[in-house]
C-alpha atoms as a PDB file:
ATOM      1  CA  MET A   1     -62.137  43.783  -3.923  1.00  0.00           C
ATOM      2  CA  SER A   2     -62.105  46.650  -6.409  1.00  0.00           C
ATOM      3  CA  ASN A   3     -61.711  46.122 -10.131  1.00  0.00           C
ATOM      4  CA  GLY A   4     -58.344  47.834  -9.929  1.00  0.00           C
ATOM      5  CA  ASP A   5     -57.067  45.506  -7.205  1.00  0.00           C
ATOM      6  CA  ILE A   6     -58.279  42.466  -9.117  1.00  0.00           C
ATOM      7  CA  PHE A   7     -56.666  43.579 -12.367  1.00  0.00           C
ATOM      8  CA  VAL A   8     -53.322  44.472 -10.792  1.00  0.00           C
ATOM      9  CA  GLY A   9     -53.257  41.313  -8.696  1.00  0.00           C
ATOM     10  CA  GLU A  10     -54.009  39.050 -11.637  1.00  0.00           C
ATOM     11  CA  VAL A  11     -51.487  40.789 -13.902  1.00  0.00           C
ATOM     12  CA  ILE A  12     -48.706  40.469 -11.332  1.00  0.00           C
ATOM     13  CA  GLY A  13     -49.604  36.952 -10.229  1.00  0.00           C
ATOM     14  CA  THR A  14     -50.036  35.566 -13.737  1.00  0.00           C
ATOM     15  CA  ALA A  15     -46.833  37.265 -14.897  1.00  0.00           C
ATOM     16  CA  ILE A  16     -44.945  35.490 -12.092  1.00  0.00           C
ATOM     17  CA  LEU A  17     -46.676  32.213 -13.000  1.00  0.00           C
ATOM     18  CA  ILE A  18     -45.522  32.422 -16.621  1.00  0.00           C
ATOM     19  CA  LEU A  19     -42.077  33.774 -15.769  1.00  0.00           C
ATOM     20  CA  PHE A  20     -41.406  30.679 -13.659  1.00  0.00           C
ATOM     21  CA  GLY A  21     -43.301  28.265 -15.919  1.00  0.00           C
ATOM     22  CA  ALA A  22     -41.920  29.370 -19.277  1.00  0.00           C
ATOM     23  CA  GLY A  23     -38.604  29.818 -17.502  1.00  0.00           C
ATOM     24  CA  VAL A  24     -38.333  26.177 -16.483  1.00  0.00           C
ATOM     25  CA  CYS A  25     -39.337  25.096 -19.992  1.00  0.00           C
ATOM     26  CA  ALA A  26     -36.625  27.344 -21.441  1.00  0.00           C
ATOM     27  CA  ALA A  27     -34.109  25.992 -18.942  1.00  0.00           C
ATOM     28  CA  VAL A  28     -34.800  22.406 -19.973  1.00  0.00           C
ATOM     29  CA  THR A  29     -35.112  23.084 -23.715  1.00  0.00           C
ATOM     30  CA  LEU A  30     -32.551  25.639 -24.873  1.00  0.00           C
ATOM     31  CA  ARG A  31     -28.950  25.003 -25.807  1.00  0.00           C
ATOM     32  CA  PHE A  32     -26.405  26.631 -23.505  1.00  0.00           C
ATOM     33  CA  SER A  33     -28.742  26.322 -20.528  1.00  0.00           C
ATOM     34  CA  LYS A  34     -27.209  24.659 -17.499  1.00  0.00           C
ATOM     35  CA  ALA A  35     -30.469  22.788 -16.926  1.00  0.00           C
ATOM     36  CA  ARG A  36     -30.838  21.498 -20.487  1.00  0.00           C
ATOM     37  CA  ALA A  37     -32.451  18.060 -20.811  1.00  0.00           C
ATOM     38  CA  SER A  38     -33.330  17.927 -17.106  1.00  0.00           C
ATOM     39  CA  GLY A  39     -36.607  16.255 -17.978  1.00  0.00           C
ATOM     40  CA  TRP A  40     -40.330  16.192 -17.325  1.00  0.00           C
ATOM     41  CA  ILE A  41     -40.138  15.973 -13.536  1.00  0.00           C
ATOM     42  CA  VAL A  42     -38.216  19.248 -13.412  1.00  0.00           C
ATOM     43  CA  ILE A  43     -40.835  20.886 -15.633  1.00  0.00           C
ATOM     44  CA  ALA A  44     -43.704  19.566 -13.492  1.00  0.00           C
ATOM     45  CA  PHE A  45     -42.175  20.885 -10.270  1.00  0.00           C
ATOM     46  CA  GLY A  46     -41.178  24.148 -11.947  1.00  0.00           C
ATOM     47  CA  TRP A  47     -44.796  24.808 -12.879  1.00  0.00           C
ATOM     48  CA  GLY A  48     -45.896  23.859  -9.365  1.00  0.00           C
ATOM     49  CA  PHE A  49     -43.533  26.425  -7.861  1.00  0.00           C
ATOM     50  CA  ALA A  50     -44.771  28.900 -10.484  1.00  0.00           C
ATOM     51  CA  VAL A  51     -48.308  28.518  -9.129  1.00  0.00           C
ATOM     52  CA  LEU A  52     -47.031  28.799  -5.576  1.00  0.00           C
ATOM     53  CA  ALA A  53     -45.184  32.075  -6.198  1.00  0.00           C
ATOM     54  CA  GLY A  54     -47.818  33.662  -8.415  1.00  0.00           C
ATOM     55  CA  ALA A  55     -50.868  32.782  -6.356  1.00  0.00           C
ATOM     56  CA  TYR A  56     -49.367  33.746  -2.992  1.00  0.00           C
ATOM     57  CA  THR A  57     -48.310  37.092  -4.452  1.00  0.00           C
ATOM     58  CA  ALA A  58     -51.702  37.853  -6.005  1.00  0.00           C
ATOM     59  CA  ALA A  59     -53.885  36.477  -3.203  1.00  0.00           C
ATOM     60  CA  PRO A  60     -54.121  39.654  -1.055  1.00  0.00           C
ATOM     61  CA  LEU A  61     -55.231  41.708  -4.072  1.00  0.00           C
ATOM     62  CA  SER A  62     -57.385  39.408  -6.190  1.00  0.00           C
ATOM     63  CA  GLY A  63     -57.573  36.011  -4.534  1.00  0.00           C
ATOM     64  CA  GLY A  64     -54.951  34.694  -6.950  1.00  0.00           C
ATOM     65  CA  HIS A  65     -57.043  32.945  -9.608  1.00  0.00           C
ATOM     66  CA  LEU A  66     -54.387  33.294 -12.372  1.00  0.00           C
ATOM     67  CA  ASN A  67     -56.490  31.070 -14.614  1.00  0.00           C
ATOM     68  CA  PRO A  68     -59.724  31.766 -16.533  1.00  0.00           C
ATOM     69  CA  ALA A  69     -60.846  28.180 -15.903  1.00  0.00           C
ATOM     70  CA  VAL A  70     -60.610  28.745 -12.140  1.00  0.00           C
ATOM     71  CA  THR A  71     -62.432  32.074 -12.466  1.00  0.00           C
ATOM     72  CA  LEU A  72     -65.245  30.479 -14.478  1.00  0.00           C
ATOM     73  CA  GLY A  73     -65.522  27.538 -12.090  1.00  0.00           C
ATOM     74  CA  ILE A  74     -65.902  29.905  -9.138  1.00  0.00           C
ATOM     75  CA  ALA A  75     -68.392  32.068 -11.051  1.00  0.00           C
ATOM     76  CA  VAL A  76     -70.525  29.037 -11.945  1.00  0.00           C
ATOM     77  CA  ASP A  77     -70.502  27.865  -8.339  1.00  0.00           C
ATOM     78  CA  THR A  78     -71.213  31.257  -6.744  1.00  0.00           C
ATOM     79  CA  GLU A  79     -73.314  32.657  -9.618  1.00  0.00           C
ATOM     80  CA  THR A  80     -71.262  35.858  -9.407  1.00  0.00           C
ATOM     81  CA  TRP A  81     -70.277  37.093 -12.865  1.00  0.00           C
ATOM     82  CA  ASP A  82     -69.810  40.853 -12.636  1.00  0.00           C
ATOM     83  CA  LYS A  83     -66.029  40.783 -12.171  1.00  0.00           C
ATOM     84  CA  VAL A  84     -65.192  37.829 -14.398  1.00  0.00           C
ATOM     85  CA  TRP A  85     -64.094  40.062 -17.279  1.00  0.00           C
ATOM     86  CA  VAL A  86     -61.626  41.893 -15.028  1.00  0.00           C
ATOM     87  CA  TYR A  87     -60.033  38.624 -13.952  1.00  0.00           C
ATOM     88  CA  LEU A  88     -59.786  37.327 -17.524  1.00  0.00           C
ATOM     89  CA  LEU A  89     -58.273  40.556 -18.842  1.00  0.00           C
ATOM     90  CA  GLY A  90     -55.703  40.707 -16.045  1.00  0.00           C
ATOM     91  CA  GLN A  91     -54.772  37.064 -16.587  1.00  0.00           C
ATOM     92  CA  LEU A  92     -54.199  37.490 -20.323  1.00  0.00           C
ATOM     93  CA  VAL A  93     -52.142  40.657 -19.888  1.00  0.00           C
ATOM     94  CA  GLY A  94     -50.135  39.047 -17.099  1.00  0.00           C
ATOM     95  CA  ALA A  95     -49.468  35.925 -19.161  1.00  0.00           C
ATOM     96  CA  MET A  96     -48.129  38.021 -22.033  1.00  0.00           C
ATOM     97  CA  LEU A  97     -45.957  40.047 -19.664  1.00  0.00           C
ATOM     98  CA  GLY A  98     -44.582  36.902 -18.037  1.00  0.00           C
ATOM     99  CA  ALA A  99     -43.698  35.442 -21.432  1.00  0.00           C
ATOM    100  CA  VAL A 100     -41.744  38.573 -22.337  1.00  0.00           C
ATOM    101  CA  LEU A 101     -39.900  38.441 -19.008  1.00  0.00           C
ATOM    102  CA  ALA A 102     -38.985  34.779 -19.509  1.00  0.00           C
ATOM    103  CA  TYR A 103     -37.685  35.645 -22.975  1.00  0.00           C
ATOM    104  CA  LEU A 104     -35.503  38.395 -21.507  1.00  0.00           C
ATOM    105  CA  VAL A 105     -34.085  36.084 -18.831  1.00  0.00           C
ATOM    106  CA  TYR A 106     -32.954  33.648 -21.548  1.00  0.00           C
ATOM    107  CA  LEU A 107     -32.209  36.307 -24.161  1.00  0.00           C
ATOM    108  CA  ALA A 108     -28.669  35.114 -24.879  1.00  0.00           C
ATOM    109  CA  GLN A 109     -29.826  31.507 -25.215  1.00  0.00           C
ATOM    110  CA  PHE A 110     -32.645  32.490 -27.574  1.00  0.00           C
ATOM    111  CA  GLN A 111     -30.248  34.556 -29.684  1.00  0.00           C
ATOM    112  CA  ALA A 112     -27.906  31.559 -29.859  1.00  0.00           C
ATOM    113  CA  ASN A 113     -30.679  29.406 -31.339  1.00  0.00           C
ATOM    114  CA  VAL A 114     -28.901  29.212 -34.701  1.00  0.00           C
ATOM    115  CA  ARG A 115     -27.347  26.405 -36.684  1.00  0.00           C
ATOM    116  CA  LYS A 116     -23.612  26.166 -36.230  1.00  0.00           C
ATOM    117  CA  GLU A 117     -21.657  26.224 -39.454  1.00  0.00           C
ATOM    118  CA  GLY A 118     -20.947  22.731 -40.696  1.00  0.00           C
ATOM    119  CA  THR A 119     -23.615  20.953 -38.620  1.00  0.00           C
ATOM    120  CA  THR A 120     -26.394  18.915 -40.180  1.00  0.00           C
ATOM    121  CA  GLU A 121     -30.057  18.448 -39.421  1.00  0.00           C
ATOM    122  CA  GLY A 122     -30.762  16.023 -36.604  1.00  0.00           C
ATOM    123  CA  THR A 123     -27.666  16.802 -34.558  1.00  0.00           C
ATOM    124  CA  ALA A 124     -27.606  18.269 -31.066  1.00  0.00           C
ATOM    125  CA  ASP A 125     -26.247  21.547 -32.419  1.00  0.00           C
ATOM    126  CA  GLU A 126     -29.163  22.350 -34.706  1.00  0.00           C
ATOM    127  CA  PRO A 127     -31.675  25.096 -33.798  1.00  0.00           C
ATOM    128  CA  THR A 128     -34.456  24.183 -31.363  1.00  0.00           C
ATOM    129  CA  PRO A 129     -38.150  24.969 -32.061  1.00  0.00           C
ATOM    130  CA  THR A 130     -39.207  27.282 -29.259  1.00  0.00           C
ATOM    131  CA  LEU A 131     -43.018  27.195 -29.139  1.00  0.00           C
ATOM    132  CA  GLY A 132     -43.000  24.495 -26.458  1.00  0.00           C
ATOM    133  CA  ILE A 133     -41.254  26.911 -24.121  1.00  0.00           C
ATOM    134  CA  PHE A 134     -44.201  29.292 -24.283  1.00  0.00           C
ATOM    135  CA  SER A 135     -47.276  27.187 -25.083  1.00  0.00           C
ATOM    136  CA  THR A 136     -48.430  23.592 -25.313  1.00  0.00           C
ATOM    137  CA  ILE A 137     -47.993  21.151 -28.193  1.00  0.00           C
ATOM    138  CA  PRO A 138     -49.687  17.730 -28.267  1.00  0.00           C
ATOM    139  CA  GLU A 139     -47.566  14.612 -28.623  1.00  0.00           C
ATOM    140  CA  ILE A 140     -50.210  13.096 -30.934  1.00  0.00           C
ATOM    141  CA  ARG A 141     -52.212  15.669 -32.878  1.00  0.00           C
ATOM    142  CA  ASN A 142     -55.774  14.467 -32.473  1.00  0.00           C
ATOM    143  CA  PRO A 143     -58.039  17.455 -31.731  1.00  0.00           C
ATOM    144  CA  VAL A 144     -60.850  15.402 -30.188  1.00  0.00           C
ATOM    145  CA  ALA A 145     -58.528  13.398 -27.952  1.00  0.00           C
ATOM    146  CA  ASN A 146     -56.494  16.506 -27.097  1.00  0.00           C
ATOM    147  CA  LEU A 147     -59.666  18.396 -26.179  1.00  0.00           C
ATOM    148  CA  ILE A 148     -60.879  15.575 -23.946  1.00  0.00           C
ATOM    149  CA  THR A 149     -57.500  15.477 -22.194  1.00  0.00           C
ATOM    150  CA  GLU A 150     -57.589  19.194 -21.481  1.00  0.00           C
ATOM    151  CA  ILE A 151     -61.183  19.073 -20.232  1.00  0.00           C
ATOM    152  CA  ILE A 152     -60.513  16.202 -17.832  1.00  0.00           C
ATOM    153  CA  ALA A 153     -57.201  17.642 -16.607  1.00  0.00           C
ATOM    154  CA  THR A 154     -58.850  21.015 -15.952  1.00  0.00           C
ATOM    155  CA  ILE A 155     -61.683  19.416 -13.996  1.00  0.00           C
ATOM    156  CA  ALA A 156     -58.986  17.651 -11.969  1.00  0.00           C
ATOM    157  CA  LEU A 157     -57.575  21.090 -11.189  1.00  0.00           C
ATOM    158  CA  VAL A 158     -60.667  23.225 -10.610  1.00  0.00           C
ATOM    159  CA  LEU A 159     -62.834  20.762  -8.679  1.00  0.00           C
ATOM    160  CA  PRO A 160     -60.266  20.284  -5.876  1.00  0.00           C
ATOM    161  CA  ILE A 161     -59.633  24.042  -5.792  1.00  0.00           C
ATOM    162  CA  LEU A 162     -63.340  24.610  -5.183  1.00  0.00           C
ATOM    163  CA  ALA A 163     -63.303  21.899  -2.526  1.00  0.00           C
ATOM    164  CA  PHE A 164     -60.295  23.502  -0.808  1.00  0.00           C
ATOM    165  CA  GLY A 165     -62.410  26.644  -0.522  1.00  0.00           C
ATOM    166  CA  ARG A 166     -64.876  24.842   1.732  1.00  0.00           C
ATOM    167  CA  ASN A 167     -62.206  24.584   4.414  1.00  0.00           C
ATOM    168  CA  THR A 168     -61.833  28.209   5.501  1.00  0.00           C
ATOM    169  CA  GLY A 169     -59.136  27.251   7.977  1.00  0.00           C
ATOM    170  CA  ILE A 170     -56.573  26.679   5.222  1.00  0.00           C
ATOM    171  CA  GLY A 171     -57.152  29.945   3.376  1.00  0.00           C
ATOM    172  CA  ILE A 172     -55.344  33.268   3.576  1.00  0.00           C
ATOM    173  CA  GLY A 173     -56.483  36.134   5.762  1.00  0.00           C
ATOM    174  CA  GLN A 174     -59.197  36.548   8.377  1.00  0.00           C
ATOM    175  CA  ILE A 175     -61.433  33.494   8.725  1.00  0.00           C
ATOM    176  CA  PRO A 176     -65.042  34.502   7.967  1.00  0.00           C
ATOM    177  CA  GLY A 177     -67.263  34.262  11.036  1.00  0.00           C
ATOM    178  CA  GLU A 178     -64.355  34.135  13.478  1.00  0.00           C
ATOM    179  CA  GLU A 179     -63.350  36.884  15.870  1.00  0.00           C
ATOM    180  CA  ALA A 180     -60.780  39.447  14.759  1.00  0.00           C
ATOM    181  CA  GLY A 181     -57.236  38.145  14.602  1.00  0.00           C
ATOM    182  CA  ILE A 182     -58.154  34.554  13.747  1.00  0.00           C
ATOM    183  CA  TYR A 183     -56.519  33.778  10.409  1.00  0.00           C
ATOM    184  CA  GLY A 184     -56.327  30.763   8.163  1.00  0.00           C
ATOM    185  CA  SER A 185     -53.155  28.709   7.919  1.00  0.00           C
ATOM    186  CA  GLY A 186     -52.587  29.822   4.311  1.00  0.00           C
ATOM    187  CA  ILE A 187     -51.669  26.362   3.059  1.00  0.00           C
ATOM    188  CA  SER A 188     -54.449  26.203   0.460  1.00  0.00           C
ATOM    189  CA  ILE A 189     -52.185  27.674  -2.232  1.00  0.00           C
ATOM    190  CA  LEU A 190     -49.438  25.225  -1.316  1.00  0.00           C
ATOM    191  CA  LEU A 191     -51.942  22.411  -1.821  1.00  0.00           C
ATOM    192  CA  VAL A 192     -52.894  23.817  -5.236  1.00  0.00           C
ATOM    193  CA  ALA A 193     -49.214  23.986  -6.183  1.00  0.00           C
ATOM    194  CA  PHE A 194     -48.748  20.311  -5.353  1.00  0.00           C
ATOM    195  CA  LEU A 195     -51.986  19.557  -7.213  1.00  0.00           C
ATOM    196  CA  VAL A 196     -50.525  21.169 -10.346  1.00  0.00           C
ATOM    197  CA  VAL A 197     -47.361  19.079  -9.966  1.00  0.00           C
ATOM    198  CA  GLY A 198     -49.518  15.966  -9.732  1.00  0.00           C
ATOM    199  CA  ILE A 199     -51.532  16.898 -12.805  1.00  0.00           C
ATOM    200  CA  GLY A 200     -48.323  17.474 -14.744  1.00  0.00           C
ATOM    201  CA  LEU A 201     -46.888  14.109 -13.752  1.00  0.00           C
ATOM    202  CA  SER A 202     -50.087  12.098 -14.226  1.00  0.00           C
ATOM    203  CA  LEU A 203     -52.096  13.869 -16.930  1.00  0.00           C
ATOM    204  CA  GLY A 204     -49.602  16.099 -18.718  1.00  0.00           C
ATOM    205  CA  GLY A 205     -48.136  13.572 -21.140  1.00  0.00           C
ATOM    206  CA  PRO A 206     -50.643  13.813 -24.012  1.00  0.00           C
ATOM    207  CA  THR A 207     -50.916  17.601 -24.442  1.00  0.00           C
ATOM    208  CA  GLY A 208     -48.490  19.302 -22.061  1.00  0.00           C
ATOM    209  CA  TYR A 209     -51.374  20.175 -19.676  1.00  0.00           C
ATOM    210  CA  ALA A 210     -52.334  23.736 -20.531  1.00  0.00           C
ATOM    211  CA  ILE A 211     -55.280  23.603 -18.036  1.00  0.00           C
ATOM    212  CA  ASN A 212     -55.261  27.395 -18.271  1.00  0.00           C
ATOM    213  CA  PRO A 213     -56.332  29.341 -21.387  1.00  0.00           C
ATOM    214  CA  ALA A 214     -54.347  32.468 -20.456  1.00  0.00           C
ATOM    215  CA  ARG A 215     -51.209  30.422 -19.771  1.00  0.00           C
ATOM    216  CA  ASP A 216     -51.309  29.102 -23.349  1.00  0.00           C
ATOM    217  CA  LEU A 217     -52.845  31.942 -25.369  1.00  0.00           C
ATOM    218  CA  GLY A 218     -50.904  34.880 -23.920  1.00  0.00           C
ATOM    219  CA  PRO A 219     -47.449  33.355 -24.432  1.00  0.00           C
ATOM    220  CA  ARG A 220     -48.463  32.052 -27.882  1.00  0.00           C
ATOM    221  CA  ILE A 221     -49.316  35.616 -28.920  1.00  0.00           C
ATOM    222  CA  VAL A 222     -45.953  36.796 -27.610  1.00  0.00           C
ATOM    223  CA  HIS A 223     -44.113  33.942 -29.353  1.00  0.00           C
ATOM    224  CA  THR A 224     -45.652  35.041 -32.642  1.00  0.00           C
ATOM    225  CA  PHE A 225     -43.957  38.443 -32.427  1.00  0.00           C
ATOM    226  CA  LEU A 226     -40.699  37.719 -30.594  1.00  0.00           C
ATOM    227  CA  PRO A 227     -37.547  38.026 -32.736  1.00  0.00           C
ATOM    228  CA  ILE A 228     -36.237  34.535 -31.951  1.00  0.00           C
ATOM    229  CA  PRO A 229     -33.975  32.982 -34.601  1.00  0.00           C
ATOM    230  CA  ASN A 230     -35.356  29.751 -36.066  1.00  0.00           C
ATOM    231  CA  LYS A 231     -38.250  29.856 -33.604  1.00  0.00           C
ATOM    232  CA  GLY A 232     -40.552  27.701 -35.707  1.00  0.00           C
ATOM    233  CA  THR A 233     -44.308  27.974 -36.024  1.00  0.00           C
ATOM    234  CA  SER A 234     -46.649  29.373 -33.376  1.00  0.00           C
ATOM    235  CA  ASP A 235     -49.134  26.636 -34.401  1.00  0.00           C
ATOM    236  CA  TRP A 236     -52.310  28.709 -34.406  1.00  0.00           C
ATOM    237  CA  GLY A 237     -54.233  25.800 -35.915  1.00  0.00           C
ATOM    238  CA  TYR A 238     -53.997  24.009 -32.556  1.00  0.00           C
ATOM    239  CA  ALA A 239     -54.376  27.106 -30.363  1.00  0.00           C
ATOM    240  CA  TRP A 240     -58.138  26.703 -29.854  1.00  0.00           C
ATOM    241  CA  VAL A 241     -57.751  23.368 -28.020  1.00  0.00           C
ATOM    242  CA  PRO A 242     -55.857  24.665 -24.936  1.00  0.00           C
ATOM    243  CA  VAL A 243     -58.323  27.559 -24.745  1.00  0.00           C
ATOM    244  CA  VAL A 244     -61.650  25.795 -25.262  1.00  0.00           C
ATOM    245  CA  GLY A 245     -60.750  22.634 -23.338  1.00  0.00           C
ATOM    246  CA  PRO A 246     -59.859  24.354 -20.042  1.00  0.00           C
ATOM    247  CA  LEU A 247     -62.823  26.755 -20.313  1.00  0.00           C
ATOM    248  CA  VAL A 248     -65.202  23.814 -20.719  1.00  0.00           C
ATOM    249  CA  GLY A 249     -63.437  21.952 -17.906  1.00  0.00           C
ATOM    250  CA  GLY A 250     -63.724  24.929 -15.583  1.00  0.00           C
ATOM    251  CA  VAL A 251     -67.449  25.311 -16.219  1.00  0.00           C
ATOM    252  CA  LEU A 252     -68.075  21.577 -15.778  1.00  0.00           C
ATOM    253  CA  ALA A 253     -66.106  21.567 -12.519  1.00  0.00           C
ATOM    254  CA  GLY A 254     -68.228  24.439 -11.235  1.00  0.00           C
ATOM    255  CA  LEU A 255     -71.431  22.632 -12.183  1.00  0.00           C
ATOM    256  CA  VAL A 256     -70.315  19.367 -10.574  1.00  0.00           C
ATOM    257  CA  TYR A 257     -69.226  21.124  -7.398  1.00  0.00           C
ATOM    258  CA  ASN A 258     -72.449  23.106  -7.211  1.00  0.00           C
ATOM    259  CA  ALA A 259     -74.534  19.950  -7.630  1.00  0.00           C
ATOM    260  CA  ALA A 260     -72.532  17.672  -5.328  1.00  0.00           C
ATOM    261  CA  PHE A 261     -71.594  19.998  -2.503  1.00  0.00           C
END
């Protein structure tokens, strides 16, 4: 794969990932959304479908990493580092683009995020902080505990992804070593999508399961500059946790996989 294919694939795939992911969070969070207050299960499945759409779209061009933690885990396992920077750059750009697109989809709802005249704080009609639509916020702010959560959750993502790669029959495209015309079933990405749903349901409660530095950092940057009324803080004091935690988790997953398999 050329650097250009990798960059374009990761930009498009990650943009789709964030469009769907931030989109479901906006749908559940914002006033005047028909899906408001649908709950955590809707968010978990929304992010799973986001992975499904983004990764399948990007796979022919870049392999569909969409996540620096996945890219690092693969690089640690294969000891191939020359294209890592292309993946990471494409993922960050794509995440920012996807956040802008999600904002545009819900533009009217974001613009309506104002306090109605005569309402008081604590009512359903007051403005809604919007950072949680774009990036993660811990339920209990404890940097050490939050970091541990993100590391473990990311290992739970990257280690199975690396294991899925051992079964060439479930991948996309020509199966290596087989005669021409013998292709994989292509269900590996579907399995990853369900894996992300499972992580959200089981491990997402403490921090909102970033498990992807680009998924958190790119939209947080965009949130900082978007003209959203009453948007609240972008919480840059916490921003390092959903970046460092998944990066560490990705590297550890690569090391474990390399040692065990």
